[in-house]
């Protein structure tokens, strides 16, 4: 799964899963553009061995995305891979959720992906090549206290299917649904709640950010050239139904 000569644009790559994908893609030979509101993205870019670029910006701003895309093309000449990874939580039960909390999550998780896909998808169609990967979640099926987050991730799955049709035959569009991943957010759970959750997972552990990155690498490489419009669940078996025992 060699990405030598490819350019990957990754949103939310300043930390967590996004940073792991930036490192994995760099190791595979790609040049990486890190687009993140978090200035820590510069540290990630500086740690990569191949030419890279950090652009500080907000996925909720169409202007920020447009400027980041322009800077990427000016620097590298093209964008081959787009990973819509940026995402936020504002968890609360439906009846207690504010309109602002609903809008904030949908704006980042879904509208941001739409805007990046529209801007970069046009460039890919002109180049007659592209790989788009949307990071959804197992919560796309619905999860208690996550009406906004679940709706945004379900929207990403539908957006993936639609874009796969509309951007064919030159661009493949796929999604990944991570389960429990060992990030600072997961570690912040109390130990009792964490262990209760882990018991539901057939593999009995949380996933590693690098394991999501490897799945993304597969979908970004030519090894997945005949795959489009699909959702790859990387969740240790959480959604197989085995956890109902």
Protein backbone atom coordinates (compact mmCIF):
# COMPACT_ATOMS: atom_id res chain seq x y z
CA UNK A 1 0.00 0.00 0.00
CA UNK A 2 2.52 2.52 -1.26
CA UNK A 3 1.45 6.18 -1.50
CA UNK A 4 4.68 7.58 -2.91
CA UNK A 5 3.91 10.66 -5.01
CA UNK A 6 0.40 11.07 -3.55
CA UNK A 7 -0.85 14.09 -1.62
CA UNK A 8 -3.28 13.57 1.26
CA UNK A 9 -5.43 16.33 2.77
CA UNK A 10 -6.54 15.34 6.29
CA UNK A 11 -8.90 17.41 8.42
CA UNK A 12 -8.58 17.26 12.20
CA UNK A 13 -5.08 15.79 11.96
CA UNK A 14 -3.60 17.76 14.84
CA UNK A 15 -4.20 14.97 17.35
CA UNK A 16 -5.73 11.54 17.96
CA UNK A 17 -6.85 9.45 15.00
CA UNK A 18 -6.07 12.25 12.54
CA UNK A 19 -2.47 12.54 13.71
CA UNK A 20 -2.09 8.75 13.48
CA UNK A 21 -3.33 8.86 9.88
CA UNK A 22 -0.91 11.66 9.03
CA UNK A 23 2.00 9.60 10.40
CA UNK A 24 0.84 6.40 8.68
CA UNK A 25 0.39 8.10 5.31
CA UNK A 26 3.78 9.78 5.67
CA UNK A 27 5.39 6.40 6.31
CA UNK A 28 3.67 5.09 3.17
CA UNK A 29 5.34 7.83 1.12
CA UNK A 30 2.63 10.49 0.85
CA UNK A 31 2.94 14.22 1.34
CA UNK A 32 0.39 15.27 3.96
CA UNK A 33 -1.62 18.44 4.40
CA UNK A 34 -2.82 18.84 7.97
CA UNK A 35 -5.90 21.07 8.22
CA UNK A 36 -6.85 21.75 11.82
CA UNK A 37 -8.02 24.49 14.16
CA UNK A 38 -5.58 23.11 16.73
CA UNK A 39 -2.12 24.73 16.37
CA UNK A 40 -0.64 21.40 17.53
CA UNK A 41 -1.08 20.39 13.90
CA UNK A 42 2.19 22.20 13.18
CA UNK A 43 4.03 19.83 15.54
CA UNK A 44 2.56 16.86 13.70
CA UNK A 45 3.61 18.33 10.34
CA UNK A 46 7.12 19.01 11.64
CA UNK A 47 7.46 15.38 12.77
CA UNK A 48 6.84 13.95 9.29
CA UNK A 49 9.73 12.92 7.06
CA UNK A 50 8.15 13.78 3.71
CA UNK A 51 7.24 17.32 2.62
CA UNK A 52 4.16 18.38 4.56
CA UNK A 53 1.99 21.42 5.17
CA UNK A 54 0.00 22.61 8.17
CA UNK A 55 -2.91 24.95 7.52
CA UNK A 56 -4.67 26.40 10.54
CA UNK A 57 -8.38 26.67 9.83
CA UNK A 58 -11.92 25.72 10.76
CA UNK A 59 -13.88 23.12 8.78
CA UNK A 60 -17.05 25.11 9.45
CA UNK A 61 -15.66 27.93 7.30
CA UNK A 62 -15.97 27.44 3.56
CA UNK A 63 -13.43 30.24 3.09
CA UNK A 64 -10.89 28.52 5.35
CA UNK A 65 -11.28 25.28 3.41
CA UNK A 66 -10.98 27.05 0.07
CA UNK A 67 -7.80 28.82 1.15
CA UNK A 68 -6.34 25.57 2.52
CA UNK A 69 -7.04 23.77 -0.74
CA UNK A 70 -5.45 26.59 -2.73
CA UNK A 71 -2.37 26.52 -0.49
CA UNK A 72 -2.13 22.75 -0.88
CA UNK A 73 -2.29 22.88 -4.66
CA UNK A 74 0.20 25.76 -4.79
CA UNK A 75 2.60 23.73 -2.63
CA UNK A 76 2.17 20.22 -4.05
CA UNK A 77 0.36 20.75 -7.36
CA UNK A 78 -2.56 18.45 -6.56
CA UNK A 79 -4.61 16.63 -3.92
CA UNK A 80 -5.09 12.89 -4.42
CA UNK A 81 -6.64 11.88 -1.10
CA UNK A 82 -9.15 13.60 1.17
CA UNK A 83 -9.88 12.32 4.66
CA UNK A 84 -12.75 14.01 6.46
CA UNK A 85 -11.75 13.24 10.03
CA UNK A 86 -12.55 16.44 11.96
CA UNK A 87 -15.27 15.88 14.52
CA UNK A 88 -16.61 17.08 17.88
CA UNK A 89 -18.95 15.85 20.62
CA UNK A 90 -21.62 17.80 22.46
CA UNK A 91 -23.32 14.87 24.20
CA UNK A 92 -26.66 15.42 25.89
CA UNK A 93 -30.04 13.74 25.90
CA UNK A 94 -32.39 14.92 23.16
CA UNK A 95 -34.81 16.80 25.44
CA UNK A 96 -31.98 18.67 27.13
CA UNK A 97 -30.00 19.44 23.97
CA UNK A 98 -29.85 23.06 22.84
CA UNK A 99 -30.12 24.22 19.25
CA UNK A 100 -26.58 25.54 19.52
CA UNK A 101 -25.28 22.11 20.60
CA UNK A 102 -27.11 20.47 17.71
CA UNK A 103 -25.83 22.98 15.16
CA UNK A 104 -22.22 22.89 16.39
CA UNK A 105 -21.89 19.13 15.90
CA UNK A 106 -23.68 19.04 12.54
CA UNK A 107 -21.61 21.97 11.28
CA UNK A 108 -18.26 20.35 12.05
CA UNK A 109 -18.99 16.68 11.49
CA UNK A 110 -21.27 16.83 8.46
CA UNK A 111 -21.27 20.26 6.84
CA UNK A 112 -17.48 20.47 7.11
CA UNK A 113 -17.13 17.18 5.26
CA UNK A 114 -19.60 18.31 2.61
CA UNK A 115 -17.69 21.55 2.03
CA UNK A 116 -14.32 19.81 1.76
CA UNK A 117 -15.73 17.15 -0.57
CA UNK A 118 -17.27 19.78 -2.82
CA UNK A 119 -14.08 21.86 -3.02
CA UNK A 120 -11.61 18.99 -3.41
CA UNK A 121 -13.95 16.70 -5.33
CA UNK A 122 -14.07 19.18 -8.20
CA UNK A 123 -10.26 19.21 -8.33
CA UNK A 124 -10.17 15.40 -8.30
CA UNK A 125 -12.70 15.10 -11.09
CA UNK A 126 -10.62 17.45 -13.24
CA UNK A 127 -7.55 15.30 -12.54
CA UNK A 128 -9.58 12.11 -13.14
CA UNK A 129 -8.29 10.59 -9.90
CA UNK A 130 -9.17 10.76 -6.24
CA UNK A 131 -9.79 8.89 -3.00
CA UNK A 132 -12.19 10.28 -0.40
CA UNK A 133 -12.56 8.69 3.04
CA UNK A 134 -15.12 9.91 5.55
CA UNK A 135 -14.64 9.02 9.22
CA UNK A 136 -18.06 8.12 10.55
CA UNK A 137 -18.69 6.12 13.75
CA UNK A 138 -20.52 3.05 15.00
CA UNK A 139 -22.79 5.67 16.60
CA UNK A 140 -24.30 6.26 13.15
CA UNK A 141 -26.79 3.57 14.15
CA UNK A 142 -27.90 5.68 17.11
CA UNK A 143 -26.52 6.02 20.62
CA UNK A 144 -28.01 7.18 23.91
CA UNK A 145 -27.24 10.83 24.63
CA UNK A 146 -25.78 11.44 21.17
CA UNK A 147 -28.69 12.58 18.99
CA UNK A 148 -26.56 15.26 17.32
CA UNK A 149 -23.41 13.14 16.96
CA UNK A 150 -25.29 10.07 15.72
CA UNK A 151 -27.24 12.12 13.20
CA UNK A 152 -24.05 13.71 11.88
CA UNK A 153 -22.31 10.35 11.50
CA UNK A 154 -25.35 8.76 9.84
CA UNK A 155 -25.42 11.71 7.47
CA UNK A 156 -21.79 11.02 6.59
CA UNK A 157 -22.66 7.45 5.64
CA UNK A 158 -25.44 8.63 3.30
CA UNK A 159 -23.23 11.39 1.90
CA UNK A 160 -20.58 8.76 1.18
CA UNK A 161 -23.02 6.60 -0.80
CA UNK A 162 -24.36 9.54 -2.80
CA UNK A 163 -20.93 10.96 -3.58
CA UNK A 164 -19.70 7.53 -4.68
CA UNK A 165 -22.34 7.61 -7.42
CA UNK A 166 -21.87 11.23 -8.40
CA UNK A 167 -18.07 11.28 -8.48
CA UNK A 168 -17.65 7.99 -10.33
CA UNK A 169 -15.80 6.68 -12.23
CA UNK A 170 -12.75 8.77 -11.33
CA UNK A 171 -13.13 9.18 -7.56
CA UNK A 172 -13.82 6.47 -4.99
CA UNK A 173 -15.67 7.50 -1.84
CA UNK A 174 -15.77 5.29 1.24
CA UNK A 175 -16.33 5.62 4.98
CA UNK A 176 -14.89 4.11 8.13
CA UNK A 177 -16.93 3.58 11.30
CA UNK A 178 -14.56 3.33 14.28
CA UNK A 179 -15.75 1.83 17.54
CA UNK A 180 -14.12 2.53 20.92
CA UNK A 181 -10.65 3.91 20.18
CA UNK A 182 -7.98 4.51 22.82
CA UNK A 183 -7.84 8.29 22.64
CA UNK A 184 -7.77 10.87 25.48
CA UNK A 185 -11.57 10.98 25.31
CA UNK A 186 -11.83 7.24 25.96
CA UNK A 187 -9.23 7.43 28.72
CA UNK A 188 -11.27 10.16 30.43
CA UNK A 189 -14.06 7.67 31.16
CA UNK A 190 -14.25 6.38 34.73
CA UNK A 191 -12.66 2.93 35.08
CA UNK A 192 -15.89 1.14 35.97
CA UNK A 193 -17.72 2.54 32.96
CA UNK A 194 -14.76 1.79 30.71
CA UNK A 195 -14.59 -1.85 31.76
CA UNK A 196 -18.36 -2.26 31.37
CA UNK A 197 -18.10 -0.95 27.83
CA UNK A 198 -15.11 -3.12 26.95
CA UNK A 199 -17.04 -6.25 27.93
CA UNK A 200 -19.40 -5.56 25.03
CA UNK A 201 -16.54 -5.80 22.53
CA UNK A 202 -15.71 -9.34 21.32
CA UNK A 203 -12.00 -8.48 21.13
CA UNK A 204 -12.18 -7.18 24.73
CA UNK A 205 -10.14 -4.04 24.15
CA UNK A 206 -10.30 -0.58 22.68
CA UNK A 207 -8.82 -0.04 19.26
CA UNK A 208 -5.66 1.94 18.63
CA UNK A 209 -5.63 5.11 16.50
CA UNK A 210 -3.06 3.36 14.30
CA UNK A 211 -5.58 0.61 13.52
CA UNK A 212 -8.00 3.17 12.09
CA UNK A 213 -5.09 4.71 10.20
CA UNK A 214 -4.24 1.35 8.61
CA UNK A 215 -7.85 0.93 7.46
CA UNK A 216 -7.72 4.42 5.96
CA UNK A 217 -4.42 3.59 4.27
CA UNK A 218 -6.03 0.58 2.59
CA UNK A 219 -8.94 2.67 1.28
CA UNK A 220 -6.56 5.40 0.13
CA UNK A 221 -4.32 3.00 -1.76
CA UNK A 222 -4.71 1.29 -5.12
CA UNK A 223 -5.30 -1.96 -3.19
CA UNK A 224 -8.91 -0.77 -2.83
CA UNK A 225 -9.34 0.34 -6.45
CA UNK A 226 -12.61 -1.60 -6.90
CA UNK A 227 -14.22 -0.46 -3.66
CA UNK A 228 -16.50 2.58 -3.50
CA UNK A 229 -19.61 3.60 -1.59
CA UNK A 230 -18.89 1.22 1.28
CA UNK A 231 -18.73 1.54 5.07
CA UNK A 232 -15.90 -0.30 6.82
CA UNK A 233 -16.60 -0.95 10.50
CA UNK A 234 -13.41 -1.06 12.57
CA UNK A 235 -14.83 -1.76 16.00
CA UNK A 236 -13.47 -5.03 17.39
CA UNK A 237 -16.79 -6.71 16.64
CA UNK A 238 -18.90 -4.30 18.71
CA UNK A 239 -21.69 -4.05 16.13
CA UNK A 240 -21.78 -7.69 15.06
CA UNK A 241 -24.47 -8.60 17.54
CA UNK A 242 -22.09 -10.84 19.51
CA UNK A 243 -22.18 -8.26 22.27
CA UNK A 244 -25.84 -9.14 22.94
CA UNK A 245 -24.86 -12.39 24.65
